[in-house]
Amino acid sequence: MLEILSLIRQDGDPEWCRSVPNWDRGPWLETLLGYRRARGNARPRIISSHLPLPMFPRAFFRSKAKV
């Protein structure tokens, strides 16, 4: 899924996927390092997570984020 979203974000250009590691393109929300990295990424952001839905931050549900 991360590869597909990365390609969509870059209009199909695979160079970004080849040159930027997965953990930089779609950092994990549940780790402090991943959270900080995600906040620093350009918008629209790609964020990965294995959290169950009830554990997501409340602000997430009030945002315009796509899931």
N, C-alpha and C. Protein backbone atom coordinates (compact mmCIF):
# COMPACT_ATOMS: atom_id res chain seq x y z
N MET A 1 0.81 -1.18 0.00
CA MET A 1 0.00 0.00 0.00
C MET A 1 0.87 1.26 0.00
N LEU A 2 1.97 1.21 0.75
CA LEU A 2 2.86 2.37 0.82
C LEU A 2 3.44 2.70 -0.55
N GLU A 3 3.79 1.68 -1.30
CA GLU A 3 4.34 1.91 -2.65
C GLU A 3 3.30 2.56 -3.55
N ILE A 4 2.08 2.08 -3.49
CA ILE A 4 1.00 2.62 -4.33
C ILE A 4 0.75 4.08 -3.97
N LEU A 5 0.63 4.37 -2.67
CA LEU A 5 0.38 5.75 -2.24
C LEU A 5 1.54 6.67 -2.60
N SER A 6 2.75 6.14 -2.49
CA SER A 6 3.93 6.94 -2.85
C SER A 6 3.91 7.29 -4.33
N LEU A 7 3.55 6.34 -5.16
CA LEU A 7 3.48 6.60 -6.61
C LEU A 7 2.36 7.59 -6.93
N ILE A 8 1.23 7.46 -6.26
CA ILE A 8 0.13 8.41 -6.49
C ILE A 8 0.58 9.81 -6.10
N ARG A 9 1.24 9.92 -4.96
CA ARG A 9 1.69 11.24 -4.48
C ARG A 9 2.68 11.89 -5.43
N GLN A 10 3.49 11.08 -6.10
CA GLN A 10 4.51 11.61 -7.02
C GLN A 10 4.06 11.54 -8.48
N ASP A 11 2.77 11.42 -8.72
CA ASP A 11 2.23 11.36 -10.09
C ASP A 11 2.84 10.25 -10.93
N GLY A 12 3.09 9.11 -10.30
CA GLY A 12 3.58 7.95 -11.02
C GLY A 12 5.08 7.87 -11.21
N ASP A 13 5.82 8.87 -10.75
CA ASP A 13 7.29 8.88 -10.90
C ASP A 13 7.91 7.98 -9.83
N PRO A 14 8.55 6.87 -10.20
CA PRO A 14 9.08 5.93 -9.21
C PRO A 14 10.39 6.36 -8.56
N GLU A 15 10.98 7.46 -8.98
CA GLU A 15 12.28 7.87 -8.44
C GLU A 15 12.24 8.11 -6.94
N TRP A 16 11.19 8.74 -6.44
CA TRP A 16 11.06 9.00 -5.00
C TRP A 16 11.00 7.68 -4.23
N CYS A 17 10.27 6.70 -4.77
CA CYS A 17 10.17 5.39 -4.12
C CYS A 17 11.52 4.69 -4.07
N ARG A 18 12.31 4.88 -5.10
CA ARG A 18 13.62 4.23 -5.16
C ARG A 18 14.65 4.92 -4.28
N SER A 19 14.51 6.21 -4.09
CA SER A 19 15.56 6.97 -3.41
C SER A 19 15.27 7.26 -1.93
N VAL A 20 14.02 7.15 -1.49
CA VAL A 20 13.66 7.44 -0.10
C VAL A 20 13.18 6.16 0.56
N PRO A 21 13.78 5.77 1.71
CA PRO A 21 13.36 4.54 2.39
C PRO A 21 11.90 4.60 2.86
N ASN A 22 11.31 3.43 3.04
CA ASN A 22 9.92 3.32 3.50
C ASN A 22 9.67 4.11 4.77
N TRP A 23 10.57 4.03 5.74
CA TRP A 23 10.33 4.67 7.03
C TRP A 23 10.36 6.19 6.95
N ASP A 24 10.92 6.74 5.87
CA ASP A 24 10.87 8.19 5.66
C ASP A 24 9.62 8.60 4.87
N ARG A 25 9.20 7.75 3.94
CA ARG A 25 8.01 8.07 3.14
C ARG A 25 6.73 7.91 3.93
N GLY A 26 6.63 6.86 4.73
CA GLY A 26 5.43 6.58 5.51
C GLY A 26 5.77 6.14 6.91
N PRO A 27 6.25 7.06 7.75
CA PRO A 27 6.67 6.68 9.10
C PRO A 27 5.51 6.17 9.95
N TRP A 28 5.82 5.35 10.94
CA TRP A 28 4.81 4.76 11.81
C TRP A 28 4.36 5.78 12.85
N LEU A 29 3.08 5.96 12.96
CA LEU A 29 2.50 6.92 13.89
C LEU A 29 2.74 6.53 15.34
N GLU A 30 2.81 5.23 15.63
CA GLU A 30 2.87 4.79 17.03
C GLU A 30 4.25 4.89 17.68
N THR A 31 5.25 5.32 16.95
CA THR A 31 6.57 5.51 17.56
C THR A 31 6.87 7.00 17.63
N LEU A 32 7.60 7.42 18.63
CA LEU A 32 7.93 8.83 18.78
C LEU A 32 8.76 9.33 17.60
N LEU A 33 9.74 8.54 17.19
CA LEU A 33 10.55 8.92 16.03
C LEU A 33 9.70 9.03 14.78
N GLY A 34 8.80 8.07 14.57
CA GLY A 34 7.91 8.10 13.41
C GLY A 34 6.98 9.29 13.44
N TYR A 35 6.45 9.61 14.62
CA TYR A 35 5.57 10.76 14.78
C TYR A 35 6.30 12.06 14.42
N ARG A 36 7.50 12.20 14.94
CA ARG A 36 8.29 13.41 14.63
C ARG A 36 8.64 13.49 13.15
N ARG A 37 8.98 12.35 12.58
CA ARG A 37 9.33 12.31 11.16
C ARG A 37 8.10 12.66 10.31
N ALA A 38 6.94 12.14 10.69
CA ALA A 38 5.71 12.41 9.93
C ALA A 38 5.36 13.89 9.98
N ARG A 39 5.52 14.51 11.14
CA ARG A 39 5.21 15.94 11.28
C ARG A 39 6.12 16.80 10.41
N GLY A 40 7.33 16.31 10.16
CA GLY A 40 8.27 17.05 9.34
C GLY A 40 8.12 16.83 7.85
N ASN A 41 7.36 15.80 7.46
CA ASN A 41 7.18 15.50 6.04
C ASN A 41 6.26 16.53 5.39
N ALA A 42 6.50 16.75 4.11
CA ALA A 42 5.66 17.68 3.34
C ALA A 42 4.25 17.10 3.19
N ARG A 43 3.29 18.00 3.07
CA ARG A 43 1.91 17.57 2.86
C ARG A 43 1.67 17.33 1.39
N PRO A 44 0.82 16.43 1.01
CA PRO A 44 0.07 15.51 1.84
C PRO A 44 0.99 14.43 2.41
N ARG A 45 0.82 14.13 3.66
CA ARG A 45 1.68 13.15 4.34
C ARG A 45 1.13 11.74 4.17
N ILE A 46 2.05 10.80 4.16
CA ILE A 46 1.70 9.38 4.20
C ILE A 46 2.16 8.88 5.57
N ILE A 47 1.25 8.29 6.31
CA ILE A 47 1.57 7.80 7.65
C ILE A 47 1.14 6.34 7.74
N SER A 48 2.01 5.50 8.27
CA SER A 48 1.70 4.09 8.47
C SER A 48 1.35 3.84 9.93
N SER A 49 0.52 2.83 10.16
CA SER A 49 0.19 2.48 11.54
C SER A 49 -0.39 1.08 11.60
N HIS A 50 -0.17 0.44 12.74
CA HIS A 50 -0.81 -0.83 13.04
C HIS A 50 -1.71 -0.68 14.26
N LEU A 51 -1.99 0.56 14.64
CA LEU A 51 -2.86 0.80 15.79
C LEU A 51 -4.30 0.42 15.46
N PRO A 52 -5.01 -0.13 16.46
CA PRO A 52 -6.45 -0.32 16.25
C PRO A 52 -7.13 1.06 16.21
N LEU A 53 -8.18 1.16 15.47
CA LEU A 53 -8.86 2.43 15.27
C LEU A 53 -9.20 3.17 16.57
N PRO A 54 -9.66 2.51 17.63
CA PRO A 54 -9.98 3.25 18.85
C PRO A 54 -8.77 3.93 19.51
N MET A 55 -7.56 3.53 19.15
CA MET A 55 -6.37 4.12 19.76
C MET A 55 -5.81 5.31 18.98
N PHE A 56 -6.41 5.65 17.84
CA PHE A 56 -5.96 6.80 17.08
C PHE A 56 -6.28 8.08 17.85
N PRO A 57 -5.46 9.11 17.68
CA PRO A 57 -5.74 10.38 18.35
C PRO A 57 -7.10 10.94 17.92
N ARG A 58 -7.82 11.56 18.85
CA ARG A 58 -9.15 12.10 18.55
C ARG A 58 -9.10 13.14 17.43
N ALA A 59 -8.02 13.92 17.39
CA ALA A 59 -7.90 14.95 16.36
C ALA A 59 -7.91 14.34 14.95
N PHE A 60 -7.48 13.11 14.82
CA PHE A 60 -7.46 12.43 13.53
C PHE A 60 -8.87 12.38 12.93
N PHE A 61 -9.86 12.12 13.75
CA PHE A 61 -11.21 11.95 13.26
C PHE A 61 -11.88 13.28 12.90
N ARG A 62 -11.33 14.38 13.37
CA ARG A 62 -11.85 15.70 13.01
C ARG A 62 -11.09 16.30 11.83
N SER A 63 -10.07 15.60 11.36
CA SER A 63 -9.25 16.12 10.27
C SER A 63 -9.82 15.71 8.91
N LYS A 64 -9.16 16.15 7.87
CA LYS A 64 -9.56 15.79 6.50
C LYS A 64 -8.74 14.61 5.98
N ALA A 65 -8.12 13.86 6.89
CA ALA A 65 -7.26 12.74 6.51
C ALA A 65 -8.05 11.67 5.76
N LYS A 66 -7.40 11.06 4.82
CA LYS A 66 -7.98 9.94 4.07
C LYS A 66 -7.41 8.65 4.66
N VAL A 67 -8.28 7.66 4.82
CA VAL A 67 -7.86 6.39 5.39
C VAL A 67 -8.10 5.29 4.38
